[in-house]
Amino acid sequence: MSGPKVDRFSRRLPKVDRTRQQWDRQEREGSEAYRAFCVYRESDVGERSYDRVAQQIRCAIQLVKRWALFTSG
């Protein structure tokens, strides 16, 4: 006889804040990273690029790429 079946992966999943939307500023996201995301999000689809975001917020493209990798995972 065994106990109730428990999904061994469910313990590893982070808790989800159901009130927060994907496009809202995330819990660990800095204000500049969120600003960069907003610039990207509000750009015309055909003109979106990390390079353009970096130019508009006046920072290095490597930083924009780092923010994008951090927030996409």
Protein backbone atom coordinates (compact mmCIF):
# COMPACT_ATOMS: atom_id res chain seq x y z
CA MET A 1 0.00 0.00 0.00
CA SER A 2 1.27 3.38 -0.93
CA GLY A 3 0.24 6.89 0.05
CA PRO A 4 -1.32 9.51 -2.22
CA LYS A 5 0.44 10.10 -5.50
CA VAL A 6 2.52 13.29 -5.47
CA ASP A 7 3.98 14.90 -8.55
CA ARG A 8 7.70 15.03 -7.79
CA PHE A 9 8.15 18.11 -10.00
CA SER A 10 5.44 20.26 -8.41
CA ARG A 11 7.62 21.03 -5.40
CA ARG A 12 10.22 22.65 -7.66
CA LEU A 13 7.89 25.06 -9.42
CA PRO A 14 7.95 28.68 -8.23
CA LYS A 15 4.77 30.07 -6.79
CA VAL A 16 2.90 32.17 -9.32
CA ASP A 17 1.47 35.56 -8.45
CA ARG A 18 -1.83 35.38 -10.30
CA THR A 19 -2.43 39.13 -9.92
CA ARG A 20 0.72 40.04 -11.84
CA GLN A 21 0.60 39.99 -15.64
CA GLN A 22 3.59 39.11 -17.83
CA TRP A 23 3.86 42.70 -19.07
CA ASP A 24 3.88 44.17 -15.54
CA ARG A 25 7.16 44.94 -13.83
CA GLN A 26 8.34 41.69 -12.29
CA GLU A 27 9.35 41.26 -8.67
CA ARG A 28 13.13 41.20 -9.22
CA GLU A 29 13.18 43.42 -12.32
CA GLY A 30 14.99 46.74 -11.99
CA SER A 31 13.40 49.98 -13.10
CA GLU A 32 15.81 50.47 -16.03
CA ALA A 33 15.25 46.92 -17.27
CA TYR A 34 11.51 47.46 -17.12
CA ARG A 35 11.87 50.78 -18.92
CA ALA A 36 13.81 48.99 -21.69
CA PHE A 37 11.08 46.37 -21.92
CA CYS A 38 8.41 49.08 -22.23
CA VAL A 39 10.33 50.76 -25.05
CA TYR A 40 10.61 47.38 -26.82
CA ARG A 41 6.96 46.51 -26.21
CA GLU A 42 5.66 49.85 -27.45
CA SER A 43 7.75 49.83 -30.64
CA ASP A 44 6.18 48.84 -33.93
CA VAL A 45 6.59 45.11 -34.44
CA GLY A 46 8.67 45.51 -37.59
CA GLU A 47 11.03 47.96 -35.88
CA ARG A 48 11.68 46.15 -32.59
CA SER A 49 15.31 45.44 -31.84
CA TYR A 50 17.65 45.42 -28.88
CA ASP A 51 19.87 47.89 -30.73
CA ARG A 52 17.01 50.37 -31.09
CA VAL A 53 16.10 50.01 -27.41
CA ALA A 54 19.73 50.59 -26.39
CA GLN A 55 19.84 53.74 -28.51
CA GLN A 56 16.57 55.09 -27.12
CA ILE A 57 17.44 54.58 -23.46
CA ARG A 58 21.12 55.40 -24.06
CA CYS A 59 22.80 52.28 -22.76
CA ALA A 60 24.96 49.47 -24.10
CA ILE A 61 23.25 46.85 -26.24
CA GLN A 62 24.99 44.16 -24.14
CA LEU A 63 23.03 45.40 -21.13
CA VAL A 64 19.72 45.22 -23.01
CA LYS A 65 20.57 41.66 -24.08
CA ARG A 66 21.42 40.70 -20.50
CA TRP A 67 18.11 42.08 -19.26
CA ALA A 68 16.27 40.19 -21.99
CA LEU A 69 17.92 36.90 -21.03
CA PHE A 70 17.29 37.46 -17.32
CA THR A 71 13.60 38.19 -17.73
CA SER A 72 12.82 35.56 -20.36
CA GLY A 73 13.65 32.63 -18.13
